[in-house]
């Protein structure tokens, strides 16, 4: 019975991972980007690099810490949108040094 339950949970997690929506933020206002993330919880944003022509950039952006996996923290990020070059959003990152961890723990 535990094996069946575990298999069902893994299937559900896999299905949720594939269900994440993808958007190009450069075709949306900053407010629309932020409201889409807030409504869906997590989305993939994909856009072209302004520094390297033809290079696609993408990441998973989240509404809150609960959408990050264990060991990750929600961090501020910026993406281009139709009405601004730096729309503030959040993504999940693994802390890579003690300074980052101390700063995160102090603010949460």
Protein backbone atom coordinates (compact mmCIF):
# COMPACT_ATOMS: atom_id res chain seq x y z
CA UNK A 1 0.00 0.00 0.00
CA UNK A 2 2.83 2.42 0.81
CA UNK A 3 4.37 1.72 -2.60
CA UNK A 4 1.13 2.61 -4.36
CA UNK A 5 0.77 5.80 -2.32
CA UNK A 6 4.36 6.80 -3.05
CA UNK A 7 3.89 6.14 -6.77
CA UNK A 8 0.70 8.23 -6.77
CA UNK A 9 2.48 11.12 -5.03
CA UNK A 10 5.40 11.01 -7.45
CA UNK A 11 3.02 10.99 -10.40
CA UNK A 12 1.19 14.01 -8.99
CA UNK A 13 4.46 15.91 -8.48
CA UNK A 14 5.57 15.08 -12.02
CA UNK A 15 2.23 16.24 -13.42
CA UNK A 16 2.46 19.53 -11.50
CA UNK A 17 6.00 20.11 -12.78
CA UNK A 18 4.80 19.82 -16.37
CA UNK A 19 1.74 22.02 -15.80
CA UNK A 20 3.69 25.23 -15.18
CA UNK A 21 2.79 27.98 -17.64
CA UNK A 22 5.36 29.76 -19.79
CA UNK A 23 5.24 33.43 -20.75
CA UNK A 24 7.28 36.06 -22.56
CA UNK A 25 7.30 39.02 -20.14
CA UNK A 26 8.28 41.44 -22.91
CA UNK A 27 4.74 41.06 -24.29
CA UNK A 28 3.16 41.92 -20.91
CA UNK A 29 3.15 44.98 -18.67
CA UNK A 30 5.10 44.68 -15.43
CA UNK A 31 1.83 44.66 -13.50
CA UNK A 32 0.51 41.83 -15.66
CA UNK A 33 3.73 39.81 -15.13
CA UNK A 34 3.44 40.25 -11.36
CA UNK A 35 -0.30 39.47 -11.25
CA UNK A 36 0.20 36.36 -13.40
CA UNK A 37 2.85 35.07 -11.00
CA UNK A 38 0.62 35.92 -8.01
CA UNK A 39 -2.36 34.12 -9.56
CA UNK A 40 -0.51 30.99 -10.68
CA UNK A 41 2.05 30.75 -7.87
CA UNK A 42 4.92 29.86 -10.20
CA UNK A 43 5.59 30.44 -13.90
CA UNK A 44 8.41 30.18 -16.40
CA UNK A 45 9.38 33.49 -17.96
CA UNK A 46 11.39 33.33 -21.17
CA UNK A 47 12.84 36.27 -23.06
CA UNK A 48 15.81 37.24 -25.25
CA UNK A 49 19.03 38.54 -23.70
CA UNK A 50 19.71 42.20 -24.39
CA UNK A 51 23.47 41.67 -24.00
CA UNK A 52 23.85 38.62 -26.24
CA UNK A 53 21.57 38.78 -29.30
CA UNK A 54 19.72 35.53 -29.96
CA UNK A 55 20.41 34.09 -26.48
CA UNK A 56 17.17 32.98 -24.80
CA UNK A 57 17.00 33.48 -21.04
CA UNK A 58 14.48 31.78 -18.78
CA UNK A 59 13.84 30.90 -15.17
CA UNK A 60 11.07 29.89 -12.84
CA UNK A 61 9.54 32.82 -10.95
CA UNK A 62 7.43 32.42 -7.83
CA UNK A 63 4.83 34.23 -5.77
CA UNK A 64 6.12 33.11 -2.35
CA UNK A 65 8.67 30.99 -0.51
CA UNK A 66 6.25 28.05 -0.45
CA UNK A 67 6.91 27.52 -4.16
CA UNK A 68 10.64 27.02 -3.55
CA UNK A 69 12.04 23.56 -2.87
CA UNK A 70 13.74 22.63 0.37
CA UNK A 71 17.14 24.30 0.58
CA UNK A 72 16.16 27.20 -1.69
CA UNK A 73 15.24 30.74 -0.73
CA UNK A 74 13.07 33.24 -2.55
CA UNK A 75 15.24 36.03 -3.94
CA UNK A 76 14.48 39.27 -5.76
CA UNK A 77 15.04 39.20 -9.51
CA UNK A 78 14.25 41.52 -12.40
CA UNK A 79 12.91 40.74 -15.85
CA UNK A 80 12.19 42.99 -18.83
CA UNK A 81 8.54 43.71 -19.53
CA UNK A 82 6.64 45.64 -22.19
CA UNK A 83 6.68 48.82 -20.10
CA UNK A 84 9.96 48.62 -18.14
CA UNK A 85 13.44 47.15 -18.42
CA UNK A 86 13.44 45.96 -14.77
CA UNK A 87 10.20 44.46 -13.52
CA UNK A 88 10.72 43.19 -9.93
CA UNK A 89 9.81 39.54 -9.42
CA UNK A 90 11.07 36.62 -7.29
CA UNK A 91 12.76 33.33 -8.07
CA UNK A 92 14.21 30.51 -5.98
CA UNK A 93 17.95 30.09 -5.50
CA UNK A 94 20.19 27.94 -3.37
CA UNK A 95 22.28 30.01 -0.97
CA UNK A 96 25.88 29.81 -2.16
CA UNK A 97 27.73 31.31 0.79
CA UNK A 98 27.48 32.04 4.52
CA UNK A 99 26.95 35.76 3.98
CA UNK A 100 23.80 35.12 1.95
CA UNK A 101 22.47 32.66 4.54
CA UNK A 102 23.07 35.06 7.43
CA UNK A 103 21.35 37.90 5.56
CA UNK A 104 18.36 35.70 4.69
CA UNK A 105 17.95 34.38 8.23
CA UNK A 106 18.17 37.88 9.70
CA UNK A 107 15.28 39.11 7.51
CA UNK A 108 12.99 36.07 7.93
